[in-house]
Amino acid sequence: MDIIVLSGFIIVADNDLSSVKQALTKHCQLTEQESGCLCFQVTQDPNNPNRFDVYEEFVDQAAFDFHQQRVANSDWGRISKNVERHYKITTKPLPKQE
């Protein structure tokens, strides 16, 4: 089984920056609580405050799809609807359990 990996960045317009930053904490908390979430990191670039680097791992396609659906219907989805998204979605093997 393969893990779904989303990596890339978002660019937030100046007029949305405050609301996106405010909503990001709750968005991260809710995502980390999803049963299929293995890793979820969003970090603001120290050299460009409008850029946030994004890295996500989900246990499988179903978990990733659940996350996307939840986000689409969330406060985060509404607040971040205008951000520029630059993502790459790939897969990698699930690490073997010992």
C-alpha atoms as a PDB file:
ATOM      1  CA  MET A   1       0.000   0.000   0.000  1.00  0.00           C
ATOM      2  CA  ASP A   2       1.244   3.499  -0.815  1.00  0.00           C
ATOM      3  CA  ILE A   3       1.119   6.676   1.235  1.00  0.00           C
ATOM      4  CA  ILE A   4      -0.287   9.762  -0.514  1.00  0.00           C
ATOM      5  CA  VAL A   5       2.104  12.724  -0.270  1.00  0.00           C
ATOM      6  CA  LEU A   6       1.201  16.312  -1.052  1.00  0.00           C
ATOM      7  CA  SER A   7       4.079  18.780  -1.136  1.00  0.00           C
ATOM      8  CA  GLY A   8       4.504  22.314  -2.359  1.00  0.00           C
ATOM      9  CA  PHE A   9       3.504  25.762  -1.251  1.00  0.00           C
ATOM     10  CA  ILE A  10       0.748  28.334  -1.170  1.00  0.00           C
ATOM     11  CA  ILE A  11       0.975  32.050  -1.852  1.00  0.00           C
ATOM     12  CA  VAL A  12      -1.350  34.252   0.180  1.00  0.00           C
ATOM     13  CA  ALA A  13      -2.281  37.761  -0.933  1.00  0.00           C
ATOM     14  CA  ASP A  14      -1.528  40.587   1.499  1.00  0.00           C
ATOM     15  CA  ASN A  15      -5.215  41.272   2.095  1.00  0.00           C
ATOM     16  CA  ASP A  16      -5.843  37.624   3.112  1.00  0.00           C
ATOM     17  CA  LEU A  17      -2.650  37.072   5.118  1.00  0.00           C
ATOM     18  CA  SER A  18      -4.024  37.903   8.553  1.00  0.00           C
ATOM     19  CA  SER A  19      -7.145  35.737   8.250  1.00  0.00           C
ATOM     20  CA  VAL A  20      -5.207  32.808   6.746  1.00  0.00           C
ATOM     21  CA  LYS A  21      -2.620  32.903   9.531  1.00  0.00           C
ATOM     22  CA  GLN A  22      -5.362  33.057  12.141  1.00  0.00           C
ATOM     23  CA  ALA A  23      -7.261  30.089  10.655  1.00  0.00           C
ATOM     24  CA  LEU A  24      -4.155  27.975  10.021  1.00  0.00           C
ATOM     25  CA  THR A  25      -3.696  26.777  13.608  1.00  0.00           C
ATOM     26  CA  LYS A  26      -7.176  25.254  13.807  1.00  0.00           C
ATOM     27  CA  HIS A  27      -6.851  23.819  10.296  1.00  0.00           C
ATOM     28  CA  CYS A  28      -3.626  22.050  11.286  1.00  0.00           C
ATOM     29  CA  GLN A  29      -5.129  20.746  14.534  1.00  0.00           C
ATOM     30  CA  LEU A  30      -8.211  19.346  12.800  1.00  0.00           C
ATOM     31  CA  THR A  31      -6.112  17.721  10.068  1.00  0.00           C
ATOM     32  CA  GLU A  32      -3.715  16.122  12.547  1.00  0.00           C
ATOM     33  CA  GLN A  33      -6.746  14.578  14.303  1.00  0.00           C
ATOM     34  CA  GLU A  34      -7.923  12.838  11.118  1.00  0.00           C
ATOM     35  CA  SER A  35      -7.382   9.091  11.466  1.00  0.00           C
ATOM     36  CA  GLY A  36      -5.550   8.769   8.138  1.00  0.00           C
ATOM     37  CA  CYS A  37      -3.185  11.706   8.597  1.00  0.00           C
ATOM     38  CA  LEU A  38       0.436  10.655   9.103  1.00  0.00           C
ATOM     39  CA  CYS A  39       2.097  14.057   8.778  1.00  0.00           C
ATOM     40  CA  PHE A  40       0.856  17.589   8.246  1.00  0.00           C
ATOM     41  CA  GLN A  41       3.193  20.584   8.176  1.00  0.00           C
ATOM     42  CA  VAL A  42       2.532  24.121   7.030  1.00  0.00           C
ATOM     43  CA  THR A  43       5.314  26.623   7.688  1.00  0.00           C
ATOM     44  CA  GLN A  44       5.554  30.273   6.806  1.00  0.00           C
ATOM     45  CA  ASP A  45       8.652  31.111   4.777  1.00  0.00           C
ATOM     46  CA  PRO A  46      10.953  33.333   6.878  1.00  0.00           C
ATOM     47  CA  ASN A  47      12.026  35.294   3.785  1.00  0.00           C
ATOM     48  CA  ASN A  48       8.601  35.666   2.184  1.00  0.00           C
ATOM     49  CA  PRO A  49       5.692  36.064   4.630  1.00  0.00           C
ATOM     50  CA  ASN A  50       3.169  35.416   1.837  1.00  0.00           C
ATOM     51  CA  ARG A  51       4.531  31.932   1.135  1.00  0.00           C
ATOM     52  CA  PHE A  52       3.704  28.877   3.232  1.00  0.00           C
ATOM     53  CA  ASP A  53       5.440  25.559   2.557  1.00  0.00           C
ATOM     54  CA  VAL A  54       3.123  22.558   2.774  1.00  0.00           C
ATOM     55  CA  TYR A  55       3.911  18.876   3.344  1.00  0.00           C
ATOM     56  CA  GLU A  56       1.242  16.250   4.002  1.00  0.00           C
ATOM     57  CA  GLU A  57       1.177  12.451   4.227  1.00  0.00           C
ATOM     58  CA  PHE A  58      -1.962  10.329   4.356  1.00  0.00           C
ATOM     59  CA  VAL A  59      -2.125   6.591   4.886  1.00  0.00           C
ATOM     60  CA  ASP A  60      -4.007   5.969   1.622  1.00  0.00           C
ATOM     61  CA  GLN A  61      -6.095   7.569  -1.116  1.00  0.00           C
ATOM     62  CA  ALA A  62      -9.304   7.265   0.905  1.00  0.00           C
ATOM     63  CA  ALA A  63      -7.778   9.209   3.815  1.00  0.00           C
ATOM     64  CA  PHE A  64      -6.482  11.877   1.444  1.00  0.00           C
ATOM     65  CA  ASP A  65      -9.888  12.140  -0.251  1.00  0.00           C
ATOM     66  CA  PHE A  66     -11.603  12.437   3.144  1.00  0.00           C
ATOM     67  CA  HIS A  67      -9.230  15.270   4.059  1.00  0.00           C
ATOM     68  CA  GLN A  68      -9.893  17.108   0.800  1.00  0.00           C
ATOM     69  CA  GLN A  69     -13.646  16.798   1.284  1.00  0.00           C
ATOM     70  CA  ARG A  70     -13.482  17.979   4.893  1.00  0.00           C
ATOM     71  CA  VAL A  71     -11.353  20.978   3.917  1.00  0.00           C
ATOM     72  CA  ALA A  72     -13.692  21.960   1.095  1.00  0.00           C
ATOM     73  CA  ASN A  73     -16.531  22.289   3.611  1.00  0.00           C
ATOM     74  CA  SER A  74     -14.558  23.970   6.409  1.00  0.00           C
ATOM     75  CA  ASP A  75     -13.762  27.479   7.614  1.00  0.00           C
ATOM     76  CA  TRP A  76     -10.249  26.926   6.242  1.00  0.00           C
ATOM     77  CA  GLY A  77     -11.666  26.123   2.813  1.00  0.00           C
ATOM     78  CA  ARG A  78     -13.667  29.335   2.848  1.00  0.00           C
ATOM     79  CA  ILE A  79     -10.851  31.523   4.206  1.00  0.00           C
ATOM     80  CA  SER A  80      -8.169  30.085   1.918  1.00  0.00           C
ATOM     81  CA  LYS A  81     -10.238  29.914  -1.278  1.00  0.00           C
ATOM     82  CA  ASN A  82      -8.194  32.661  -2.972  1.00  0.00           C
ATOM     83  CA  VAL A  83      -4.685  31.432  -2.163  1.00  0.00           C
ATOM     84  CA  GLU A  84      -2.449  30.288  -5.021  1.00  0.00           C
ATOM     85  CA  ARG A  85      -1.770  26.587  -4.608  1.00  0.00           C
ATOM     86  CA  HIS A  86       1.368  24.998  -6.030  1.00  0.00           C
ATOM     87  CA  TYR A  87       1.167  21.325  -5.088  1.00  0.00           C
ATOM     88  CA  LYS A  88       2.599  18.053  -6.283  1.00  0.00           C
ATOM     89  CA  ILE A  89       0.826  14.849  -5.271  1.00  0.00           C
ATOM     90  CA  THR A  90       2.884  11.661  -5.288  1.00  0.00           C
ATOM     91  CA  THR A  91       2.966   8.307  -3.554  1.00  0.00           C
ATOM     92  CA  LYS A  92       5.574   6.430  -1.574  1.00  0.00           C
ATOM     93  CA  PRO A  93       5.592   2.978  -0.028  1.00  0.00           C
ATOM     94  CA  LEU A  94       4.175   2.601   3.446  1.00  0.00           C
ATOM     95  CA  PRO A  95       7.068   1.805   5.830  1.00  0.00           C
ATOM     96  CA  LYS A  96       7.151  -1.800   6.971  1.00  0.00           C
ATOM     97  CA  GLN A  97       6.086  -2.463  10.542  1.00  0.00           C
ATOM     98  CA  GLU A  98       8.602  -4.425  12.598  1.00  0.00           C
END
